[in-house]
Amino acid sequence: MQRRLREVRDWAKRKIDSRQEPPWAWYQYMKLVETCDAILAGKGAVTQQTESSPQLEQHQENVIQLAGSTPRQGAARRRPVADPVQLPM
């Protein structure tokens, strides 16, 4: 994924550097380059954090919850769909 993002970023950068694109296209290529940079930077930060986090495995074990089990503390309860909604008159 990172390799593909770099390829897209480099392609957009070449389009910008060619100076043959109309202003509207130049702006879109600039946004694409900035977006790829942001994703790559964010992905790097998340990868570094998760690799060094000893709590990652513990957190991943707690993500899946069986149906019918008690909800997490502070989790919002959903109202059954069959309940009619009463509107003010």
PDB file of N, CA and C in Angstrom:
ATOM      1  N   MET A   1       0.826  -1.184   0.000  1.00  0.00           N
ATOM      2  CA  MET A   1       0.000   0.000   0.000  1.00  0.00           C
ATOM      3  C   MET A   1       0.883   1.265   0.000  1.00  0.00           C
ATOM      4  N   GLN A   2       1.906   1.256   0.829  1.00  0.00           N
ATOM      5  CA  GLN A   2       2.780   2.436   0.884  1.00  0.00           C
ATOM      6  C   GLN A   2       3.492   2.650  -0.447  1.00  0.00           C
ATOM      7  N   ARG A   3       3.908   1.557  -1.065  1.00  0.00           N
ATOM      8  CA  ARG A   3       4.598   1.672  -2.366  1.00  0.00           C
ATOM      9  C   ARG A   3       3.665   2.295  -3.400  1.00  0.00           C
ATOM     10  N   ARG A   4       2.398   1.863  -3.408  1.00  0.00           N
ATOM     11  CA  ARG A   4       1.432   2.390  -4.373  1.00  0.00           C
ATOM     12  C   ARG A   4       1.144   3.868  -4.111  1.00  0.00           C
ATOM     13  N   LEU A   5       1.034   4.235  -2.841  1.00  0.00           N
ATOM     14  CA  LEU A   5       0.810   5.644  -2.513  1.00  0.00           C
ATOM     15  C   LEU A   5       1.981   6.500  -2.978  1.00  0.00           C
ATOM     16  N   ARG A   6       3.203   5.985  -2.794  1.00  0.00           N
ATOM     17  CA  ARG A   6       4.379   6.733  -3.264  1.00  0.00           C
ATOM     18  C   ARG A   6       4.373   6.863  -4.785  1.00  0.00           C
ATOM     19  N   GLU A   7       3.954   5.802  -5.472  1.00  0.00           N
ATOM     20  CA  GLU A   7       3.884   5.856  -6.938  1.00  0.00           C
ATOM     21  C   GLU A   7       2.882   6.909  -7.396  1.00  0.00           C
ATOM     22  N   VAL A   8       1.719   6.950  -6.773  1.00  0.00           N
ATOM     23  CA  VAL A   8       0.698   7.939  -7.132  1.00  0.00           C
ATOM     24  C   VAL A   8       1.215   9.339  -6.834  1.00  0.00           C
ATOM     25  N   ARG A   9       1.847   9.504  -5.663  1.00  0.00           N
ATOM     26  CA  ARG A   9       2.391  10.800  -5.287  1.00  0.00           C
ATOM     27  C   ARG A   9       3.436  11.260  -6.305  1.00  0.00           C
ATOM     28  N   ASP A  10       4.338  10.365  -6.689  1.00  0.00           N
ATOM     29  CA  ASP A  10       5.388  10.711  -7.655  1.00  0.00           C
ATOM     30  C   ASP A  10       4.798  11.056  -9.014  1.00  0.00           C
ATOM     31  N   TRP A  11       3.761  10.317  -9.436  1.00  0.00           N
ATOM     32  CA  TRP A  11       3.099  10.607 -10.711  1.00  0.00           C
ATOM     33  C   TRP A  11       2.484  12.003 -10.688  1.00  0.00           C
ATOM     34  N   ALA A  12       1.766  12.327  -9.606  1.00  0.00           N
ATOM     35  CA  ALA A  12       1.143  13.647  -9.491  1.00  0.00           C
ATOM     36  C   ALA A  12       2.214  14.736  -9.448  1.00  0.00           C
ATOM     37  N   LYS A  13       3.316  14.465  -8.764  1.00  0.00           N
ATOM     38  CA  LYS A  13       4.408  15.442  -8.676  1.00  0.00           C
ATOM     39  C   LYS A  13       5.009  15.698 -10.055  1.00  0.00           C
ATOM     40  N   ARG A  14       5.160  14.631 -10.856  1.00  0.00           N
ATOM     41  CA  ARG A  14       5.678  14.815 -12.222  1.00  0.00           C
ATOM     42  C   ARG A  14       4.731  15.668 -13.064  1.00  0.00           C
ATOM     43  N   LYS A  15       3.419  15.471 -12.881  1.00  0.00           N
ATOM     44  CA  LYS A  15       2.437  16.276 -13.620  1.00  0.00           C
ATOM     45  C   LYS A  15       2.572  17.750 -13.243  1.00  0.00           C
ATOM     46  N   ILE A  16       2.767  18.007 -11.956  1.00  0.00           N
ATOM     47  CA  ILE A  16       2.922  19.390 -11.492  1.00  0.00           C
ATOM     48  C   ILE A  16       4.208  19.990 -12.058  1.00  0.00           C
ATOM     49  N   ASP A  17       5.289  19.223 -11.988  1.00  0.00           N
ATOM     50  CA  ASP A  17       6.594  19.720 -12.441  1.00  0.00           C
ATOM     51  C   ASP A  17       6.647  19.953 -13.948  1.00  0.00           C
ATOM     52  N   SER A  18       5.771  19.304 -14.710  1.00  0.00           N
ATOM     53  CA  SER A  18       5.775  19.484 -16.168  1.00  0.00           C
ATOM     54  C   SER A  18       5.299  20.878 -16.568  1.00  0.00           C
ATOM     55  N   ARG A  19       4.562  21.540 -15.697  1.00  0.00           N
ATOM     56  CA  ARG A  19       4.031  22.890 -15.936  1.00  0.00           C
ATOM     57  C   ARG A  19       3.169  22.974 -17.192  1.00  0.00           C
ATOM     58  N   GLN A  20       2.565  21.849 -17.582  1.00  0.00           N
ATOM     59  CA  GLN A  20       1.703  21.835 -18.759  1.00  0.00           C
ATOM     60  C   GLN A  20       0.253  21.606 -18.390  1.00  0.00           C
ATOM     61  N   GLU A  21      -0.054  21.567 -17.119  1.00  0.00           N
ATOM     62  CA  GLU A  21      -1.413  21.308 -16.668  1.00  0.00           C
ATOM     63  C   GLU A  21      -2.170  22.618 -16.462  1.00  0.00           C
ATOM     64  N   PRO A  22      -3.470  22.629 -16.751  1.00  0.00           N
ATOM     65  CA  PRO A  22      -4.268  23.833 -16.492  1.00  0.00           C
ATOM     66  C   PRO A  22      -4.348  24.083 -14.971  1.00  0.00           C
ATOM     67  N   PRO A  23      -4.665  25.313 -14.580  1.00  0.00           N
ATOM     68  CA  PRO A  23      -4.692  25.649 -13.145  1.00  0.00           C
ATOM     69  C   PRO A  23      -5.600  24.748 -12.319  1.00  0.00           C
ATOM     70  N   TRP A  24      -6.768  24.389 -12.850  1.00  0.00           N
ATOM     71  CA  TRP A  24      -7.666  23.546 -12.061  1.00  0.00           C
ATOM     72  C   TRP A  24      -7.065  22.166 -11.839  1.00  0.00           C
ATOM     73  N   ALA A  25      -6.361  21.615 -12.846  1.00  0.00           N
ATOM     74  CA  ALA A  25      -5.734  20.305 -12.710  1.00  0.00           C
ATOM     75  C   ALA A  25      -4.525  20.388 -11.786  1.00  0.00           C
ATOM     76  N   TRP A  26      -3.758  21.468 -11.892  1.00  0.00           N
ATOM     77  CA  TRP A  26      -2.596  21.659 -11.025  1.00  0.00           C
ATOM     78  C   TRP A  26      -3.028  21.631  -9.560  1.00  0.00           C
ATOM     79  N   TYR A  27      -4.113  22.309  -9.272  1.00  0.00           N
ATOM     80  CA  TYR A  27      -4.615  22.352  -7.896  1.00  0.00           C
ATOM     81  C   TYR A  27      -5.015  20.956  -7.417  1.00  0.00           C
ATOM     82  N   GLN A  28      -5.656  20.173  -8.264  1.00  0.00           N
ATOM     83  CA  GLN A  28      -6.057  18.813  -7.895  1.00  0.00           C
ATOM     84  C   GLN A  28      -4.836  17.922  -7.673  1.00  0.00           C
ATOM     85  N   TYR A  29      -3.816  18.067  -8.518  1.00  0.00           N
ATOM     86  CA  TYR A  29      -2.589  17.286  -8.325  1.00  0.00           C
ATOM     87  C   TYR A  29      -1.902  17.675  -7.018  1.00  0.00           C
ATOM     88  N   MET A  30      -1.922  18.948  -6.689  1.00  0.00           N
ATOM     89  CA  MET A  30      -1.323  19.394  -5.421  1.00  0.00           C
ATOM     90  C   MET A  30      -2.061  18.777  -4.238  1.00  0.00           C
ATOM     91  N   LYS A  31      -3.385  18.754  -4.306  1.00  0.00           N
ATOM     92  CA  LYS A  31      -4.159  18.139  -3.226  1.00  0.00           C
ATOM     93  C   LYS A  31      -3.841  16.648  -3.129  1.00  0.00           C
ATOM     94  N   LEU A  32      -3.666  15.984  -4.267  1.00  0.00           N
ATOM     95  CA  LEU A  32      -3.344  14.564  -4.278  1.00  0.00           C
ATOM     96  C   LEU A  32      -1.981  14.312  -3.631  1.00  0.00           C
ATOM     97  N   VAL A  33      -1.000  15.128  -3.967  1.00  0.00           N
ATOM     98  CA  VAL A  33       0.332  14.991  -3.368  1.00  0.00           C
ATOM     99  C   VAL A  33       0.255  15.190  -1.858  1.00  0.00           C
ATOM    100  N   GLU A  34      -0.445  16.237  -1.423  1.00  0.00           N
ATOM    101  CA  GLU A  34      -0.574  16.515   0.005  1.00  0.00           C
ATOM    102  C   GLU A  34      -1.317  15.391   0.729  1.00  0.00           C
ATOM    103  N   THR A  35      -2.343  14.849   0.097  1.00  0.00           N
ATOM    104  CA  THR A  35      -3.104  13.761   0.708  1.00  0.00           C
ATOM    105  C   THR A  35      -2.247  12.510   0.839  1.00  0.00           C
ATOM    106  N   CYS A  36      -1.513  12.169  -0.207  1.00  0.00           N
ATOM    107  CA  CYS A  36      -0.620  11.006  -0.136  1.00  0.00           C
ATOM    108  C   CYS A  36       0.420  11.193   0.959  1.00  0.00           C
ATOM    109  N   ASP A  37       0.997  12.403   1.041  1.00  0.00           N
ATOM    110  CA  ASP A  37       1.971  12.684   2.094  1.00  0.00           C
ATOM    111  C   ASP A  37       1.363  12.507   3.480  1.00  0.00           C
ATOM    112  N   ALA A  38       0.139  13.005   3.660  1.00  0.00           N
ATOM    113  CA  ALA A  38      -0.524  12.907   4.964  1.00  0.00           C
ATOM    114  C   ALA A  38      -0.819  11.453   5.321  1.00  0.00           C
ATOM    115  N   ILE A  39      -1.271  10.672   4.348  1.00  0.00           N
ATOM    116  CA  ILE A  39      -1.574   9.259   4.608  1.00  0.00           C
ATOM    117  C   ILE A  39      -0.294   8.507   4.946  1.00  0.00           C
ATOM    118  N   LEU A  40       0.761   8.741   4.170  1.00  0.00           N
ATOM    119  CA  LEU A  40       2.025   8.063   4.436  1.00  0.00           C
ATOM    120  C   LEU A  40       2.590   8.449   5.799  1.00  0.00           C
ATOM    121  N   ALA A  41       2.511   9.718   6.158  1.00  0.00           N
ATOM    122  CA  ALA A  41       3.003  10.168   7.462  1.00  0.00           C
ATOM    123  C   ALA A  41       2.168   9.563   8.583  1.00  0.00           C
ATOM    124  N   GLY A  42       0.849   9.560   8.402  1.00  0.00           N
ATOM    125  CA  GLY A  42      -0.026   8.991   9.425  1.00  0.00           C
ATOM    126  C   GLY A  42       0.164   7.498   9.556  1.00  0.00           C
ATOM    127  N   LYS A  43       0.318   6.819   8.434  1.00  0.00           N
ATOM    128  CA  LYS A  43       0.521   5.369   8.461  1.00  0.00           C
ATOM    129  C   LYS A  43       1.834   5.045   9.156  1.00  0.00           C
ATOM    130  N   GLY A  44       2.855   5.840   8.920  1.00  0.00           N
ATOM    131  CA  GLY A  44       4.145   5.625   9.588  1.00  0.00           C
ATOM    132  C   GLY A  44       4.046   5.834  11.082  1.00  0.00           C
ATOM    133  N   ALA A  45       3.298   6.844  11.483  1.00  0.00           N
ATOM    134  CA  ALA A  45       3.142   7.126  12.909  1.00  0.00           C
ATOM    135  C   ALA A  45       2.371   6.010  13.594  1.00  0.00           C
ATOM    136  N   VAL A  46       1.329   5.519  12.943  1.00  0.00           N
ATOM    137  CA  VAL A  46       0.525   4.440  13.532  1.00  0.00           C
ATOM    138  C   VAL A  46       1.339   3.156  13.594  1.00  0.00           C
ATOM    139  N   THR A  47       2.107   2.859  12.551  1.00  0.00           N
ATOM    140  CA  THR A  47       2.918   1.651  12.525  1.00  0.00           C
ATOM    141  C   THR A  47       3.949   1.679  13.640  1.00  0.00           C
ATOM    142  N   GLN A  48       4.625   2.812  13.823  1.00  0.00           N
ATOM    143  CA  GLN A  48       5.620   2.921  14.878  1.00  0.00           C
ATOM    144  C   GLN A  48       4.976   2.771  16.245  1.00  0.00           C
ATOM    145  N   GLN A  49       3.837   3.370  16.435  1.00  0.00           N
ATOM    146  CA  GLN A  49       3.169   3.324  17.724  1.00  0.00           C
ATOM    147  C   GLN A  49       2.701   1.912  18.051  1.00  0.00           C
ATOM    148  N   THR A  50       2.091   1.234  17.083  1.00  0.00           N
ATOM    149  CA  THR A  50       1.560  -0.099  17.357  1.00  0.00           C
ATOM    150  C   THR A  50       2.663  -1.126  17.523  1.00  0.00           C
ATOM    151  N   GLU A  51       3.786  -0.956  16.823  1.00  0.00           N
ATOM    152  CA  GLU A  51       4.880  -1.904  16.971  1.00  0.00           C
ATOM    153  C   GLU A  51       5.496  -1.810  18.355  1.00  0.00           C
ATOM    154  N   SER A  52       5.496  -0.623  18.933  1.00  0.00           N
ATOM    155  CA  SER A  52       6.125  -0.442  20.233  1.00  0.00           C
ATOM    156  C   SER A  52       5.119  -0.512  21.380  1.00  0.00           C
ATOM    157  N   SER A  53       3.861  -0.790  21.089  1.00  0.00           N
ATOM    158  CA  SER A  53       2.834  -0.786  22.119  1.00  0.00           C
ATOM    159  C   SER A  53       2.611  -2.185  22.682  1.00  0.00           C
ATOM    160  N   PRO A  54       2.956  -2.426  23.959  1.00  0.00           N
ATOM    161  CA  PRO A  54       2.712  -3.745  24.541  1.00  0.00           C
ATOM    162  C   PRO A  54       1.227  -3.989  24.815  1.00  0.00           C
ATOM    163  N   GLN A  55       0.418  -2.940  24.774  1.00  0.00           N
ATOM    164  CA  GLN A  55      -1.004  -3.081  25.060  1.00  0.00           C
ATOM    165  C   GLN A  55      -1.812  -3.426  23.815  1.00  0.00           C
ATOM    166  N   LEU A  56      -1.180  -3.470  22.665  1.00  0.00           N
ATOM    167  CA  LEU A  56      -1.903  -3.708  21.417  1.00  0.00           C
ATOM    168  C   LEU A  56      -2.630  -5.047  21.432  1.00  0.00           C
ATOM    169  N   GLU A  57      -1.939  -6.123  21.815  1.00  0.00           N
ATOM    170  CA  GLU A  57      -2.580  -7.432  21.824  1.00  0.00           C
ATOM    171  C   GLU A  57      -3.754  -7.462  22.787  1.00  0.00           C
ATOM    172  N   GLN A  58      -3.583  -6.871  23.960  1.00  0.00           N
ATOM    173  CA  GLN A  58      -4.658  -6.842  24.943  1.00  0.00           C
ATOM    174  C   GLN A  58      -5.860  -6.096  24.383  1.00  0.00           C
ATOM    175  N   HIS A  59      -5.638  -4.977  23.719  1.00  0.00           N
ATOM    176  CA  HIS A  59      -6.729  -4.188  23.149  1.00  0.00           C
ATOM    177  C   HIS A  59      -7.445  -4.973  22.055  1.00  0.00           C
ATOM    178  N   GLN A  60      -6.691  -5.637  21.186  1.00  0.00           N
ATOM    179  CA  GLN A  60      -7.300  -6.383  20.085  1.00  0.00           C
ATOM    180  C   GLN A  60      -8.162  -7.532  20.609  1.00  0.00           C
ATOM    181  N   GLU A  61      -7.786  -8.127  21.718  1.00  0.00           N
ATOM    182  CA  GLU A  61      -8.580  -9.210  22.281  1.00  0.00           C
ATOM    183  C   GLU A  61      -9.918  -8.703  22.789  1.00  0.00           C
ATOM    184  N   ASN A  62      -9.975  -7.468  23.212  1.00  0.00           N
ATOM    185  CA  ASN A  62     -11.188  -6.904  23.797  1.00  0.00           C
ATOM    186  C   ASN A  62     -12.128  -6.289  22.772  1.00  0.00           C
ATOM    187  N   VAL A  63     -11.735  -6.234  21.501  1.00  0.00           N
ATOM    188  CA  VAL A  63     -12.541  -5.570  20.485  1.00  0.00           C
ATOM    189  C   VAL A  63     -13.780  -6.377  20.140  1.00  0.00           C
ATOM    190  N   ILE A  64     -13.651  -7.685  19.977  1.00  0.00           N
ATOM    191  CA  ILE A  64     -14.777  -8.526  19.589  1.00  0.00           C
ATOM    192  C   ILE A  64     -15.635  -8.804  20.811  1.00  0.00           C
ATOM    193  N   GLN A  65     -16.943  -8.659  20.638  1.00  0.00           N
ATOM    194  CA  GLN A  65     -17.860  -8.877  21.748  1.00  0.00           C
ATOM    195  C   GLN A  65     -18.975  -9.801  21.275  1.00  0.00           C
ATOM    196  N   LEU A  66     -19.294 -10.794  22.066  1.00  0.00           N
ATOM    197  CA  LEU A  66     -20.331 -11.738  21.694  1.00  0.00           C
ATOM    198  C   LEU A  66     -21.702 -11.088  21.733  1.00  0.00           C
ATOM    199  N   ALA A  67     -22.589 -11.538  20.849  1.00  0.00           N
ATOM    200  CA  ALA A  67     -23.963 -11.045  20.868  1.00  0.00           C
ATOM    201  C   ALA A  67     -24.615 -11.488  22.172  1.00  0.00           C
ATOM    202  N   GLY A  68     -25.357 -10.604  22.784  1.00  0.00           N
ATOM    203  CA  GLY A  68     -26.026 -10.922  24.036  1.00  0.00           C
ATOM    204  C   GLY A  68     -25.172 -10.640  25.254  1.00  0.00           C
ATOM    205  N   SER A  69     -23.905 -10.260  25.045  1.00  0.00           N
ATOM    206  CA  SER A  69     -23.074  -9.938  26.195  1.00  0.00           C
ATOM    207  C   SER A  69     -23.379  -8.521  26.645  1.00  0.00           C
ATOM    208  N   THR A  70     -22.961  -8.186  27.819  1.00  0.00           N
ATOM    209  CA  THR A  70     -23.259  -6.857  28.351  1.00  0.00           C
ATOM    210  C   THR A  70     -22.446  -5.816  27.597  1.00  0.00           C
ATOM    211  N   PRO A  71     -23.038  -4.660  27.304  1.00  0.00           N
ATOM    212  CA  PRO A  71     -22.320  -3.621  26.568  1.00  0.00           C
ATOM    213  C   PRO A  71     -21.221  -3.007  27.435  1.00  0.00           C
ATOM    214  N   ARG A  72     -20.265  -2.379  26.770  1.00  0.00           N
ATOM    215  CA  ARG A  72     -19.191  -1.693  27.478  1.00  0.00           C
ATOM    216  C   ARG A  72     -19.772  -0.578  28.330  1.00  0.00           C
ATOM    217  N   GLN A  73     -19.083  -0.260  29.381  1.00  0.00           N
ATOM    218  CA  GLN A  73     -19.523   0.822  30.256  1.00  0.00           C
ATOM    219  C   GLN A  73     -19.507   2.124  29.459  1.00  0.00           C
ATOM    220  N   GLY A  74     -20.584   2.862  29.537  1.00  0.00           N
ATOM    221  CA  GLY A  74     -20.682   4.127  28.828  1.00  0.00           C
ATOM    222  C   GLY A  74     -21.175   3.997  27.405  1.00  0.00           C
ATOM    223  N   ALA A  75     -21.383   2.783  26.924  1.00  0.00           N
ATOM    224  CA  ALA A  75     -21.870   2.599  25.557  1.00  0.00           C
ATOM    225  C   ALA A  75     -23.351   2.968  25.493  1.00  0.00           C
ATOM    226  N   ALA A  76     -23.747   3.607  24.432  1.00  0.00           N
ATOM    227  CA  ALA A  76     -25.142   4.014  24.271  1.00  0.00           C
ATOM    228  C   ALA A  76     -25.998   2.791  23.989  1.00  0.00           C
ATOM    229  N   ARG A  77     -27.163   2.743  24.597  1.00  0.00           N
ATOM    230  CA  ARG A  77     -28.091   1.643  24.338  1.00  0.00           C
ATOM    231  C   ARG A  77     -28.980   2.036  23.177  1.00  0.00           C
ATOM    232  N   ARG A  78     -29.238   1.094  22.322  1.00  0.00           N
ATOM    233  CA  ARG A  78     -30.125   1.351  21.179  1.00  0.00           C
ATOM    234  C   ARG A  78     -31.544   0.987  21.542  1.00  0.00           C
ATOM    235  N   ARG A  79     -32.457   1.799  21.048  1.00  0.00           N
ATOM    236  CA  ARG A  79     -33.878   1.556  21.279  1.00  0.00           C
ATOM    237  C   ARG A  79     -34.352   0.542  20.253  1.00  0.00           C
ATOM    238  N   PRO A  80     -35.173  -0.433  20.657  1.00  0.00           N
ATOM    239  CA  PRO A  80     -35.686  -1.395  19.674  1.00  0.00           C
ATOM    240  C   PRO A  80     -36.439  -0.674  18.553  1.00  0.00           C
ATOM    241  N   VAL A  81     -36.310  -1.201  17.343  1.00  0.00           N
ATOM    242  CA  VAL A  81     -36.917  -0.581  16.170  1.00  0.00           C
ATOM    243  C   VAL A  81     -38.438  -0.562  16.275  1.00  0.00           C
ATOM    244  N   ALA A  82     -39.040  -1.542  16.931  1.00  0.00           N
ATOM    245  CA  ALA A  82     -40.492  -1.652  17.000  1.00  0.00           C
ATOM    246  C   ALA A  82     -41.136  -0.557  17.855  1.00  0.00           C
ATOM    247  N   ASP A  83     -40.383   0.114  18.724  1.00  0.00           N
ATOM    248  CA  ASP A  83     -40.957   1.163  19.567  1.00  0.00           C
ATOM    249  C   ASP A  83     -41.356   2.368  18.712  1.00  0.00           C
ATOM    250  N   PRO A  84     -42.605   2.832  18.828  1.00  0.00           N
ATOM    251  CA  PRO A  84     -43.001   4.017  18.063  1.00  0.00           C
ATOM    252  C   PRO A  84     -42.381   5.276  18.664  1.00  0.00           C
ATOM    253  N   VAL A  85     -42.101   6.216  17.832  1.00  0.00           N
ATOM    254  CA  VAL A  85     -41.548   7.483  18.281  1.00  0.00           C
ATOM    255  C   VAL A  85     -42.693   8.441  18.513  1.00  0.00           C
ATOM    256  N   GLN A  86     -42.776   9.028  19.696  1.00  0.00           N
ATOM    257  CA  GLN A  86     -43.838   9.973  20.008  1.00  0.00           C
ATOM    258  C   GLN A  86     -43.343  11.385  19.730  1.00  0.00           C
ATOM    259  N   LEU A  87     -44.052  12.061  18.866  1.00  0.00           N
ATOM    260  CA  LEU A  87     -43.705  13.436  18.512  1.00  0.00           C
ATOM    261  C   LEU A  87     -44.546  14.412  19.314  1.00  0.00           C
ATOM    262  N   PRO A  88     -44.002  15.570  19.637  1.00  0.00           N
ATOM    263  CA  PRO A  88     -44.801  16.568  20.340  1.00  0.00           C
ATOM    264  C   PRO A  88     -45.893  17.114  19.442  1.00  0.00           C
ATOM    265  N   MET A  89     -47.003  17.473  20.036  1.00  0.00           N
ATOM    266  CA  MET A  89     -48.130  17.991  19.246  1.00  0.00           C
ATOM    267  C   MET A  89     -48.167  19.480  19.245  1.00  0.00           C
TER     268      MET A  89
END
